Amino acid sequence: MSQYCTDRLTALCLESTATLEPGLNSASSGDNASALNSALQAMNTSLGGISKGGGDTGDAMSQLTALSATMSKAEAKVTSAHKVEGEAQIVMARGKKRHMYDFQLELYIEVVIEDVMGGMGVGADGTDKVPENKPKKFKGTIHLPEVSPDSSMEYRTEWKKSLPANIKNRVNAAANELSKKLIQQLQVFDSEYKSM
């Protein structure tokens, strides 16, 4: 039974994908609006200072660059199931079937950010300029330390390399959306298993 469950969990996890479309979406429109307002205020302050012989547009430009990341398409997927370990069994107790399982998962993921506005210009290592509109790929691992009928499905994500500040929020948002899809797949597994 455990091998069947391991194989089924692996298959369901590998089917998990998530896409964040470019633009101001309902989940983050308030954040985007306030970020845009903040960047425009900083730009206005900087331009006023420049016209008077001082000022610096660096802060405003970095804010606008970070905001432009929200205008980029983000796709996240599970690339492989690095670790799927645990046990599963069905037992009879007091005349009722009890479906028990307990697994630990480590899943390799990839998030691809497509720079649709041409404003991100930072390589995956955070330093190199890359040609505009070239997709940027970020690899990481989602850890689910306890997958069981009673677990809260807590997870944590760690990245292979540090994320560039200007698109960190977008990459993390895509990974969080993927994690939600994974939890939905784990609920599918739970339903299937309990129907056996």
N, C-alpha and C. Protein backbone atom coordinates (compact mmCIF):
# COMPACT_ATOMS: atom_id res chain seq x y z
N MET A 1 0.82 -1.19 0.00
CA MET A 1 0.00 0.00 0.00
C MET A 1 0.87 1.25 0.00
N SER A 2 1.96 1.24 0.78
CA SER A 2 2.81 2.42 0.86
C SER A 2 3.42 2.79 -0.48
N GLN A 3 3.82 1.77 -1.28
CA GLN A 3 4.42 2.07 -2.58
C GLN A 3 3.39 2.69 -3.52
N TYR A 4 2.16 2.17 -3.50
CA TYR A 4 1.11 2.77 -4.32
C TYR A 4 0.92 4.24 -3.94
N CYS A 5 0.85 4.51 -2.64
CA CYS A 5 0.64 5.89 -2.17
C CYS A 5 1.81 6.79 -2.54
N THR A 6 3.03 6.28 -2.42
CA THR A 6 4.21 7.05 -2.81
C THR A 6 4.15 7.41 -4.29
N ASP A 7 3.82 6.42 -5.12
CA ASP A 7 3.73 6.67 -6.56
C ASP A 7 2.61 7.65 -6.89
N ARG A 8 1.47 7.52 -6.22
CA ARG A 8 0.33 8.40 -6.50
C ARG A 8 0.63 9.83 -6.04
N LEU A 9 1.21 9.97 -4.85
CA LEU A 9 1.59 11.30 -4.37
C LEU A 9 2.58 11.97 -5.33
N THR A 10 3.56 11.21 -5.79
CA THR A 10 4.55 11.74 -6.73
C THR A 10 3.87 12.22 -8.00
N ALA A 11 2.99 11.40 -8.56
CA ALA A 11 2.29 11.77 -9.80
C ALA A 11 1.45 13.03 -9.62
N LEU A 12 0.72 13.10 -8.53
CA LEU A 12 -0.12 14.28 -8.28
C LEU A 12 0.72 15.55 -8.10
N CYS A 13 1.84 15.43 -7.40
CA CYS A 13 2.70 16.60 -7.20
C CYS A 13 3.30 17.08 -8.51
N LEU A 14 3.70 16.14 -9.37
CA LEU A 14 4.30 16.52 -10.65
C LEU A 14 3.30 17.18 -11.60
N GLU A 15 2.01 17.00 -11.34
CA GLU A 15 0.98 17.66 -12.15
C GLU A 15 0.75 19.11 -11.72
N SER A 16 1.32 19.51 -10.61
CA SER A 16 1.05 20.83 -10.04
C SER A 16 1.79 21.93 -10.78
N THR A 17 1.03 22.94 -11.21
CA THR A 17 1.58 24.14 -11.84
C THR A 17 0.77 25.34 -11.38
N ALA A 18 1.37 26.51 -11.50
CA ALA A 18 0.67 27.75 -11.15
C ALA A 18 1.16 28.85 -12.07
N THR A 19 0.25 29.74 -12.45
CA THR A 19 0.60 30.86 -13.32
C THR A 19 0.03 32.15 -12.73
N LEU A 20 0.86 33.15 -12.67
CA LEU A 20 0.43 34.50 -12.29
C LEU A 20 0.51 35.34 -13.56
N GLU A 21 -0.61 35.83 -14.00
CA GLU A 21 -0.64 36.65 -15.21
C GLU A 21 -0.12 38.05 -14.91
N PRO A 22 0.38 38.74 -15.94
CA PRO A 22 0.86 40.11 -15.73
C PRO A 22 -0.27 41.04 -15.34
N GLY A 23 0.05 42.06 -14.58
CA GLY A 23 -0.91 43.10 -14.30
C GLY A 23 -1.33 43.16 -12.87
N LEU A 24 -2.18 44.11 -12.62
CA LEU A 24 -2.71 44.32 -11.28
C LEU A 24 -3.82 43.31 -11.06
N ASN A 25 -3.54 42.28 -10.29
CA ASN A 25 -4.56 41.27 -10.03
C ASN A 25 -5.23 41.55 -8.70
N SER A 26 -6.35 40.91 -8.48
CA SER A 26 -7.15 41.18 -7.28
C SER A 26 -6.40 40.88 -6.00
N ALA A 27 -5.50 39.91 -6.03
CA ALA A 27 -4.79 39.53 -4.81
C ALA A 27 -3.80 40.60 -4.37
N SER A 28 -3.26 41.36 -5.33
CA SER A 28 -2.22 42.30 -4.95
C SER A 28 -2.46 43.72 -5.44
N SER A 29 -3.65 44.03 -5.91
CA SER A 29 -3.88 45.35 -6.49
C SER A 29 -3.65 46.46 -5.48
N GLY A 30 -3.99 46.26 -4.22
CA GLY A 30 -3.73 47.28 -3.21
C GLY A 30 -2.24 47.50 -3.03
N ASP A 31 -1.46 46.41 -2.97
CA ASP A 31 -0.02 46.53 -2.85
C ASP A 31 0.57 47.22 -4.05
N ASN A 32 0.11 46.86 -5.25
CA ASN A 32 0.62 47.47 -6.47
C ASN A 32 0.28 48.94 -6.53
N ALA A 33 -0.93 49.31 -6.15
CA ALA A 33 -1.35 50.70 -6.19
C ALA A 33 -0.52 51.53 -5.22
N SER A 34 -0.32 51.03 -4.00
CA SER A 34 0.47 51.79 -3.04
C SER A 34 1.93 51.85 -3.45
N ALA A 35 2.45 50.77 -4.06
CA ALA A 35 3.83 50.78 -4.54
C ALA A 35 4.00 51.79 -5.68
N LEU A 36 3.03 51.84 -6.57
CA LEU A 36 3.08 52.80 -7.67
C LEU A 36 3.03 54.22 -7.12
N ASN A 37 2.13 54.46 -6.18
CA ASN A 37 2.01 55.79 -5.57
C ASN A 37 3.32 56.19 -4.89
N SER A 38 3.90 55.27 -4.14
CA SER A 38 5.16 55.54 -3.44
C SER A 38 6.28 55.84 -4.43
N ALA A 39 6.38 55.05 -5.51
CA ALA A 39 7.41 55.26 -6.51
C ALA A 39 7.23 56.60 -7.20
N LEU A 40 6.00 56.97 -7.52
CA LEU A 40 5.75 58.25 -8.18
C LEU A 40 6.07 59.42 -7.25
N GLN A 41 5.74 59.29 -5.97
CA GLN A 41 6.08 60.35 -5.01
C GLN A 41 7.59 60.51 -4.89
N ALA A 42 8.30 59.38 -4.83
CA ALA A 42 9.76 59.44 -4.74
C ALA A 42 10.34 60.05 -6.00
N MET A 43 9.79 59.71 -7.16
CA MET A 43 10.26 60.27 -8.42
C MET A 43 10.00 61.77 -8.44
N ASN A 44 8.82 62.19 -8.01
CA ASN A 44 8.48 63.61 -7.97
C ASN A 44 9.44 64.37 -7.06
N THR A 45 9.72 63.79 -5.89
CA THR A 45 10.65 64.43 -4.96
C THR A 45 12.04 64.51 -5.57
N SER A 46 12.49 63.43 -6.21
CA SER A 46 13.81 63.40 -6.82
C SER A 46 13.91 64.40 -7.96
N LEU A 47 12.90 64.45 -8.80
CA LEU A 47 12.93 65.38 -9.94
C LEU A 47 12.91 66.82 -9.46
N GLY A 48 12.16 67.10 -8.40
CA GLY A 48 12.16 68.45 -7.83
C GLY A 48 13.54 68.83 -7.33
N GLY A 49 14.21 67.87 -6.68
CA GLY A 49 15.56 68.12 -6.19
C GLY A 49 16.55 68.28 -7.32
N ILE A 50 16.38 67.53 -8.40
CA ILE A 50 17.29 67.62 -9.54
C ILE A 50 17.14 68.98 -10.21
N SER A 51 15.90 69.44 -10.37
CA SER A 51 15.69 70.74 -11.01
C SER A 51 16.28 71.88 -10.19
N LYS A 52 16.49 71.65 -8.89
CA LYS A 52 17.09 72.67 -8.02
C LYS A 52 18.58 72.41 -7.82
N GLY A 53 19.13 71.50 -8.60
CA GLY A 53 20.56 71.25 -8.54
C GLY A 53 20.97 70.08 -7.68
N GLY A 54 20.07 69.29 -7.18
CA GLY A 54 20.42 68.14 -6.35
C GLY A 54 19.51 66.98 -6.68
N GLY A 55 19.34 66.05 -5.76
CA GLY A 55 18.40 64.94 -5.93
C GLY A 55 19.02 63.73 -6.61
N ASP A 56 18.32 62.61 -6.46
CA ASP A 56 18.79 61.35 -7.01
C ASP A 56 17.57 60.52 -7.39
N THR A 57 17.53 60.03 -8.61
CA THR A 57 16.38 59.23 -9.06
C THR A 57 16.55 57.75 -8.76
N GLY A 58 17.65 57.36 -8.13
CA GLY A 58 17.93 55.94 -7.90
C GLY A 58 16.86 55.22 -7.11
N ASP A 59 16.40 55.80 -6.01
CA ASP A 59 15.38 55.17 -5.16
C ASP A 59 14.07 55.01 -5.92
N ALA A 60 13.66 56.07 -6.61
CA ALA A 60 12.41 56.01 -7.37
C ALA A 60 12.51 54.98 -8.49
N MET A 61 13.64 54.93 -9.16
CA MET A 61 13.80 53.96 -10.25
C MET A 61 13.78 52.53 -9.72
N SER A 62 14.41 52.30 -8.58
CA SER A 62 14.39 50.93 -8.03
C SER A 62 12.97 50.53 -7.64
N GLN A 63 12.19 51.48 -7.13
CA GLN A 63 10.80 51.18 -6.79
C GLN A 63 9.97 50.90 -8.04
N LEU A 64 10.19 51.69 -9.08
CA LEU A 64 9.46 51.45 -10.34
C LEU A 64 9.87 50.12 -10.97
N THR A 65 11.16 49.79 -10.89
CA THR A 65 11.64 48.52 -11.43
C THR A 65 11.01 47.35 -10.69
N ALA A 66 10.94 47.46 -9.35
CA ALA A 66 10.30 46.40 -8.56
C ALA A 66 8.82 46.28 -8.92
N LEU A 67 8.17 47.41 -9.11
CA LEU A 67 6.76 47.39 -9.48
C LEU A 67 6.56 46.76 -10.86
N SER A 68 7.52 47.00 -11.76
CA SER A 68 7.38 46.42 -13.11
C SER A 68 7.39 44.89 -13.07
N ALA A 69 7.98 44.31 -12.02
CA ALA A 69 7.99 42.85 -11.90
C ALA A 69 6.57 42.30 -11.79
N THR A 70 5.66 43.09 -11.20
CA THR A 70 4.28 42.62 -11.09
C THR A 70 3.59 42.60 -12.44
N MET A 71 4.20 43.25 -13.40
CA MET A 71 3.65 43.28 -14.75
C MET A 71 4.27 42.16 -15.61
N SER A 72 4.90 41.21 -14.95
CA SER A 72 5.54 40.09 -15.62
C SER A 72 4.77 38.81 -15.34
N LYS A 73 4.73 37.95 -16.32
CA LYS A 73 4.09 36.64 -16.15
C LYS A 73 5.02 35.74 -15.35
N ALA A 74 4.45 35.03 -14.39
CA ALA A 74 5.24 34.10 -13.56
C ALA A 74 4.61 32.71 -13.65
N GLU A 75 5.41 31.73 -13.98
CA GLU A 75 4.94 30.34 -14.03
C GLU A 75 5.79 29.50 -13.09
N ALA A 76 5.11 28.70 -12.27
CA ALA A 76 5.79 27.83 -11.32
C ALA A 76 5.35 26.40 -11.54
N LYS A 77 6.30 25.48 -11.38
CA LYS A 77 5.96 24.06 -11.54
C LYS A 77 6.89 23.21 -10.68
N VAL A 78 6.40 22.01 -10.38
CA VAL A 78 7.22 21.02 -9.70
C VAL A 78 8.00 20.30 -10.80
N THR A 79 9.34 20.31 -10.68
CA THR A 79 10.15 19.65 -11.71
C THR A 79 10.48 18.21 -11.35
N SER A 80 10.56 17.92 -10.04
CA SER A 80 10.77 16.52 -9.65
C SER A 80 10.44 16.35 -8.16
N ALA A 81 10.13 15.12 -7.83
CA ALA A 81 9.87 14.76 -6.43
C ALA A 81 11.18 14.19 -5.89
N HIS A 82 11.94 15.02 -5.21
CA HIS A 82 13.24 14.62 -4.70
C HIS A 82 13.11 13.58 -3.60
N LYS A 83 12.12 13.78 -2.71
CA LYS A 83 11.94 12.87 -1.58
C LYS A 83 10.45 12.71 -1.30
N VAL A 84 9.98 11.49 -1.37
CA VAL A 84 8.61 11.15 -0.97
C VAL A 84 8.76 9.91 -0.09
N GLU A 85 8.75 10.13 1.21
CA GLU A 85 8.98 9.04 2.16
C GLU A 85 7.86 8.98 3.17
N GLY A 86 7.53 7.76 3.57
CA GLY A 86 6.52 7.58 4.60
C GLY A 86 5.83 6.24 4.49
N GLU A 87 4.74 6.13 5.20
CA GLU A 87 3.99 4.88 5.25
C GLU A 87 2.50 5.15 5.10
N ALA A 88 1.81 4.12 4.62
CA ALA A 88 0.36 4.18 4.51
C ALA A 88 -0.19 2.79 4.82
N GLN A 89 -1.33 2.77 5.46
CA GLN A 89 -1.99 1.49 5.74
C GLN A 89 -3.47 1.70 5.99
N ILE A 90 -4.22 0.65 5.70
CA ILE A 90 -5.65 0.65 5.99
C ILE A 90 -5.87 -0.45 7.03
N VAL A 91 -6.47 -0.07 8.15
CA VAL A 91 -6.71 -1.04 9.23
C VAL A 91 -8.18 -1.04 9.58
N MET A 92 -8.62 -2.14 10.14
CA MET A 92 -9.99 -2.25 10.64
C MET A 92 -9.95 -2.04 12.16
N ALA A 93 -10.74 -1.11 12.64
CA ALA A 93 -10.82 -0.85 14.07
C ALA A 93 -12.29 -0.67 14.44
N ARG A 94 -12.76 -1.52 15.31
CA ARG A 94 -14.16 -1.50 15.75
C ARG A 94 -15.13 -1.58 14.57
N GLY A 95 -14.78 -2.40 13.62
CA GLY A 95 -15.64 -2.62 12.47
C GLY A 95 -15.60 -1.53 11.41
N LYS A 96 -14.70 -0.57 11.55
CA LYS A 96 -14.59 0.51 10.57
C LYS A 96 -13.19 0.51 9.95
N LYS A 97 -13.15 0.87 8.66
CA LYS A 97 -11.87 1.05 7.99
C LYS A 97 -11.26 2.36 8.43
N ARG A 98 -9.99 2.31 8.76
CA ARG A 98 -9.25 3.54 9.08
C ARG A 98 -8.10 3.66 8.09
N HIS A 99 -8.06 4.80 7.40
CA HIS A 99 -7.03 5.07 6.40
C HIS A 99 -5.97 5.96 7.03
N MET A 100 -4.80 5.39 7.24
CA MET A 100 -3.72 6.14 7.88
C MET A 100 -2.55 6.28 6.93
N TYR A 101 -1.96 7.45 6.94
CA TYR A 101 -0.73 7.67 6.17
C TYR A 101 0.03 8.83 6.81
N ASP A 102 1.33 8.82 6.58
CA ASP A 102 2.20 9.88 7.07
C ASP A 102 3.40 9.93 6.14
N PHE A 103 3.52 11.04 5.40
CA PHE A 103 4.60 11.20 4.43
C PHE A 103 5.34 12.51 4.66
N GLN A 104 6.57 12.55 4.20
CA GLN A 104 7.38 13.76 4.14
C GLN A 104 7.74 13.96 2.66
N LEU A 105 7.60 15.21 2.19
CA LEU A 105 7.87 15.49 0.78
C LEU A 105 8.91 16.60 0.65
N GLU A 106 9.81 16.42 -0.30
CA GLU A 106 10.71 17.48 -0.76
C GLU A 106 10.57 17.52 -2.27
N LEU A 107 10.10 18.64 -2.76
CA LEU A 107 9.82 18.77 -4.19
C LEU A 107 10.67 19.88 -4.79
N TYR A 108 11.36 19.55 -5.88
CA TYR A 108 12.12 20.58 -6.59
C TYR A 108 11.16 21.37 -7.46
N ILE A 109 11.30 22.69 -7.41
CA ILE A 109 10.42 23.55 -8.19
C ILE A 109 11.24 24.51 -9.05
N GLU A 110 10.54 25.08 -10.03
CA GLU A 110 11.15 26.11 -10.87
C GLU A 110 10.11 27.19 -11.10
N VAL A 111 10.53 28.44 -10.97
CA VAL A 111 9.68 29.59 -11.27
C VAL A 111 10.33 30.33 -12.43
N VAL A 112 9.53 30.57 -13.47
CA VAL A 112 10.01 31.30 -14.65
C VAL A 112 9.27 32.63 -14.71
N ILE A 113 10.04 33.71 -14.77
CA ILE A 113 9.47 35.05 -14.86
C ILE A 113 9.76 35.57 -16.26
N GLU A 114 8.69 35.94 -16.97
CA GLU A 114 8.83 36.52 -18.30
C GLU A 114 8.71 38.03 -18.17
N ASP A 115 9.73 38.73 -18.56
CA ASP A 115 9.80 40.19 -18.44
C ASP A 115 9.06 40.82 -19.62
N VAL A 116 7.76 40.99 -19.47
CA VAL A 116 6.95 41.51 -20.57
C VAL A 116 7.12 43.02 -20.78
N MET A 117 7.64 43.73 -19.77
CA MET A 117 7.81 45.17 -19.90
C MET A 117 9.25 45.57 -20.21
N GLY A 118 10.17 44.63 -20.09
CA GLY A 118 11.57 44.94 -20.37
C GLY A 118 12.22 45.79 -19.30
N GLY A 119 11.73 45.71 -18.08
CA GLY A 119 12.28 46.58 -17.05
C GLY A 119 13.04 45.88 -15.95
N MET A 120 13.15 44.56 -15.99
CA MET A 120 13.77 43.89 -14.86
C MET A 120 15.28 43.84 -14.99
N GLY A 121 15.84 43.61 -16.16
CA GLY A 121 17.25 43.70 -16.44
C GLY A 121 18.23 43.23 -15.39
N VAL A 122 17.88 42.27 -14.56
CA VAL A 122 18.79 41.74 -13.56
C VAL A 122 18.84 40.23 -13.73
N GLY A 123 20.05 39.70 -13.73
CA GLY A 123 20.21 38.26 -13.90
C GLY A 123 19.80 37.50 -12.66
N ALA A 124 19.79 36.20 -12.77
CA ALA A 124 19.36 35.35 -11.66
C ALA A 124 20.26 35.51 -10.44
N ASP A 125 21.52 35.92 -10.64
CA ASP A 125 22.41 36.11 -9.50
C ASP A 125 22.28 37.50 -8.89
N GLY A 126 21.42 38.35 -9.47
CA GLY A 126 21.16 39.66 -8.91
C GLY A 126 22.13 40.74 -9.38
N THR A 127 23.14 40.38 -10.19
CA THR A 127 24.12 41.38 -10.58
C THR A 127 24.22 41.59 -12.08
N ASP A 128 24.13 40.56 -12.86
CA ASP A 128 24.36 40.66 -14.29
C ASP A 128 23.16 41.22 -15.03
N LYS A 129 23.43 42.09 -15.96
CA LYS A 129 22.36 42.56 -16.85
C LYS A 129 22.10 41.43 -17.86
N VAL A 130 20.85 41.23 -18.19
CA VAL A 130 20.48 40.24 -19.19
C VAL A 130 19.63 40.93 -20.24
N PRO A 131 19.57 40.40 -21.45
CA PRO A 131 18.74 41.03 -22.47
C PRO A 131 17.28 41.11 -22.02
N GLU A 132 16.64 42.21 -22.38
CA GLU A 132 15.24 42.39 -22.03
C GLU A 132 14.40 41.27 -22.62
N ASN A 133 13.32 40.95 -21.95
CA ASN A 133 12.35 39.95 -22.36
C ASN A 133 12.87 38.52 -22.34
N LYS A 134 14.06 38.30 -21.83
CA LYS A 134 14.56 36.93 -21.69
C LYS A 134 14.02 36.36 -20.38
N PRO A 135 13.35 35.20 -20.42
CA PRO A 135 12.80 34.63 -19.18
C PRO A 135 13.90 34.35 -18.15
N LYS A 136 13.59 34.59 -16.90
CA LYS A 136 14.51 34.32 -15.81
C LYS A 136 13.99 33.13 -15.03
N LYS A 137 14.88 32.18 -14.72
CA LYS A 137 14.49 30.95 -14.03
C LYS A 137 15.10 30.91 -12.64
N PHE A 138 14.26 30.49 -11.70
CA PHE A 138 14.69 30.37 -10.31
C PHE A 138 14.31 28.99 -9.81
N LYS A 139 15.29 28.29 -9.23
CA LYS A 139 15.06 26.93 -8.76
C LYS A 139 15.05 26.90 -7.23
N GLY A 140 14.20 26.03 -6.70
CA GLY A 140 14.10 25.91 -5.25
C GLY A 140 13.51 24.59 -4.84
N THR A 141 13.22 24.49 -3.56
CA THR A 141 12.65 23.27 -2.98
C THR A 141 11.49 23.65 -2.07
N ILE A 142 10.39 22.92 -2.22
CA ILE A 142 9.28 23.05 -1.27
C ILE A 142 9.34 21.84 -0.34
N HIS A 143 9.38 22.12 0.95
CA HIS A 143 9.43 21.07 1.97
C HIS A 143 8.06 20.97 2.63
N LEU A 144 7.51 19.76 2.64
CA LEU A 144 6.28 19.47 3.38
C LEU A 144 6.67 18.39 4.39
N PRO A 145 6.97 18.79 5.63
CA PRO A 145 7.48 17.83 6.60
C PRO A 145 6.46 16.81 7.10
N GLU A 146 5.17 17.15 6.99
CA GLU A 146 4.15 16.20 7.44
C GLU A 146 2.93 16.26 6.54
N VAL A 147 2.70 15.16 5.84
CA VAL A 147 1.49 15.01 5.03
C VAL A 147 0.75 13.82 5.60
N SER A 148 -0.35 14.12 6.31
CA SER A 148 -1.16 13.07 6.93
C SER A 148 -2.60 13.56 6.97
N PRO A 149 -3.54 12.68 7.29
CA PRO A 149 -4.94 13.11 7.32
C PRO A 149 -5.20 14.25 8.31
N ASP A 150 -4.40 14.35 9.35
CA ASP A 150 -4.63 15.35 10.39
C ASP A 150 -3.66 16.53 10.34
N SER A 151 -2.75 16.55 9.38
CA SER A 151 -1.75 17.62 9.36
C SER A 151 -2.33 18.92 8.81
N SER A 152 -1.67 20.01 9.14
CA SER A 152 -2.11 21.32 8.65
C SER A 152 -1.47 21.66 7.30
N MET A 153 -0.72 20.73 6.74
CA MET A 153 -0.06 20.89 5.44
C MET A 153 0.85 22.11 5.41
N GLU A 154 1.60 22.31 6.47
CA GLU A 154 2.55 23.41 6.51
C GLU A 154 3.70 23.10 5.57
N TYR A 155 4.23 24.15 4.97
CA TYR A 155 5.33 24.00 4.04
C TYR A 155 6.29 25.17 4.18
N ARG A 156 7.49 24.97 3.66
CA ARG A 156 8.44 26.06 3.56
C ARG A 156 9.16 25.93 2.22
N THR A 157 9.54 27.08 1.69
CA THR A 157 10.22 27.12 0.41
C THR A 157 11.62 27.67 0.62
N GLU A 158 12.60 27.02 0.01
CA GLU A 158 13.95 27.59 0.04
C GLU A 158 14.47 27.62 -1.40
N TRP A 159 15.26 28.65 -1.67
CA TRP A 159 15.76 28.88 -3.03
C TRP A 159 17.21 28.47 -3.13
N LYS A 160 17.57 27.96 -4.30
CA LYS A 160 18.94 27.52 -4.54
C LYS A 160 19.92 28.70 -4.43
N LYS A 161 19.50 29.86 -4.95
CA LYS A 161 20.30 31.08 -4.88
C LYS A 161 19.40 32.18 -4.33
N SER A 162 20.01 33.24 -3.83
CA SER A 162 19.19 34.34 -3.33
C SER A 162 18.49 35.02 -4.51
N LEU A 163 17.30 35.53 -4.24
CA LEU A 163 16.48 36.13 -5.29
C LEU A 163 16.80 37.61 -5.41
N PRO A 164 16.85 38.14 -6.65
CA PRO A 164 17.05 39.58 -6.83
C PRO A 164 15.92 40.35 -6.17
N ALA A 165 16.27 41.43 -5.50
CA ALA A 165 15.30 42.20 -4.73
C ALA A 165 14.13 42.70 -5.58
N ASN A 166 14.41 43.06 -6.84
CA ASN A 166 13.35 43.67 -7.65
C ASN A 166 12.27 42.69 -8.10
N ILE A 167 12.52 41.39 -8.03
CA ILE A 167 11.48 40.43 -8.42
C ILE A 167 11.25 39.36 -7.36
N LYS A 168 11.83 39.54 -6.20
CA LYS A 168 11.69 38.58 -5.11
C LYS A 168 10.22 38.33 -4.76
N ASN A 169 9.44 39.40 -4.63
CA ASN A 169 8.03 39.24 -4.26
C ASN A 169 7.26 38.46 -5.32
N ARG A 170 7.56 38.72 -6.58
CA ARG A 170 6.85 38.03 -7.67
C ARG A 170 7.19 36.55 -7.68
N VAL A 171 8.46 36.21 -7.51
CA VAL A 171 8.89 34.81 -7.49
C VAL A 171 8.25 34.09 -6.29
N ASN A 172 8.28 34.73 -5.12
CA ASN A 172 7.67 34.12 -3.94
C ASN A 172 6.16 33.97 -4.09
N ALA A 173 5.50 34.94 -4.73
CA ALA A 173 4.05 34.85 -4.96
C ALA A 173 3.74 33.65 -5.85
N ALA A 174 4.55 33.43 -6.88
CA ALA A 174 4.33 32.28 -7.76
C ALA A 174 4.55 30.97 -7.00
N ALA A 175 5.57 30.93 -6.16
CA ALA A 175 5.84 29.72 -5.37
C ALA A 175 4.71 29.46 -4.37
N ASN A 176 4.18 30.52 -3.77
CA ASN A 176 3.06 30.36 -2.84
C ASN A 176 1.81 29.86 -3.56
N GLU A 177 1.59 30.37 -4.76
CA GLU A 177 0.44 29.89 -5.56
C GLU A 177 0.62 28.41 -5.90
N LEU A 178 1.85 28.02 -6.24
CA LEU A 178 2.14 26.61 -6.52
C LEU A 178 1.89 25.77 -5.27
N SER A 179 2.28 26.26 -4.11
CA SER A 179 2.06 25.53 -2.86
C SER A 179 0.58 25.30 -2.61
N LYS A 180 -0.24 26.30 -2.92
CA LYS A 180 -1.70 26.14 -2.78
C LYS A 180 -2.20 25.04 -3.70
N LYS A 181 -1.69 25.00 -4.93
CA LYS A 181 -2.08 23.95 -5.88
C LYS A 181 -1.63 22.58 -5.37
N LEU A 182 -0.44 22.52 -4.79
CA LEU A 182 0.05 21.26 -4.22
C LEU A 182 -0.87 20.77 -3.11
N ILE A 183 -1.29 21.68 -2.25
CA ILE A 183 -2.19 21.29 -1.15
C ILE A 183 -3.51 20.78 -1.71
N GLN A 184 -4.00 21.39 -2.79
CA GLN A 184 -5.21 20.87 -3.44
C GLN A 184 -4.98 19.46 -3.97
N GLN A 185 -3.82 19.20 -4.54
CA GLN A 185 -3.50 17.86 -5.04
C GLN A 185 -3.40 16.86 -3.88
N LEU A 186 -2.87 17.29 -2.76
CA LEU A 186 -2.79 16.41 -1.59
C LEU A 186 -4.18 16.09 -1.05
N GLN A 187 -5.10 17.04 -1.17
CA GLN A 187 -6.48 16.78 -0.78
C GLN A 187 -7.14 15.78 -1.73
N VAL A 188 -6.77 15.85 -3.02
CA VAL A 188 -7.25 14.85 -3.99
C VAL A 188 -6.75 13.47 -3.58
N PHE A 189 -5.47 13.39 -3.22
CA PHE A 189 -4.90 12.12 -2.77
C PHE A 189 -5.66 11.60 -1.56
N ASP A 190 -5.92 12.47 -0.60
CA ASP A 190 -6.63 12.07 0.62
C ASP A 190 -8.00 11.49 0.28
N SER A 191 -8.73 12.14 -0.61
CA SER A 191 -10.07 11.65 -1.00
C SER A 191 -9.98 10.30 -1.71
N GLU A 192 -9.02 10.18 -2.63
CA GLU A 192 -8.85 8.92 -3.35
C GLU A 192 -8.50 7.78 -2.37
N TYR A 193 -7.58 8.07 -1.48
CA TYR A 193 -7.12 7.04 -0.55
C TYR A 193 -8.25 6.59 0.38
N LYS A 194 -9.05 7.53 0.84
CA LYS A 194 -10.13 7.18 1.76
C LYS A 194 -11.28 6.46 1.06
N SER A 195 -11.30 6.50 -0.27
CA SER A 195 -12.35 5.77 -1.01
C SER A 195 -11.96 4.32 -1.29
N MET A 196 -10.76 3.92 -0.91
CA MET A 196 -10.30 2.55 -1.15
C MET A 196 -10.95 1.58 -0.18
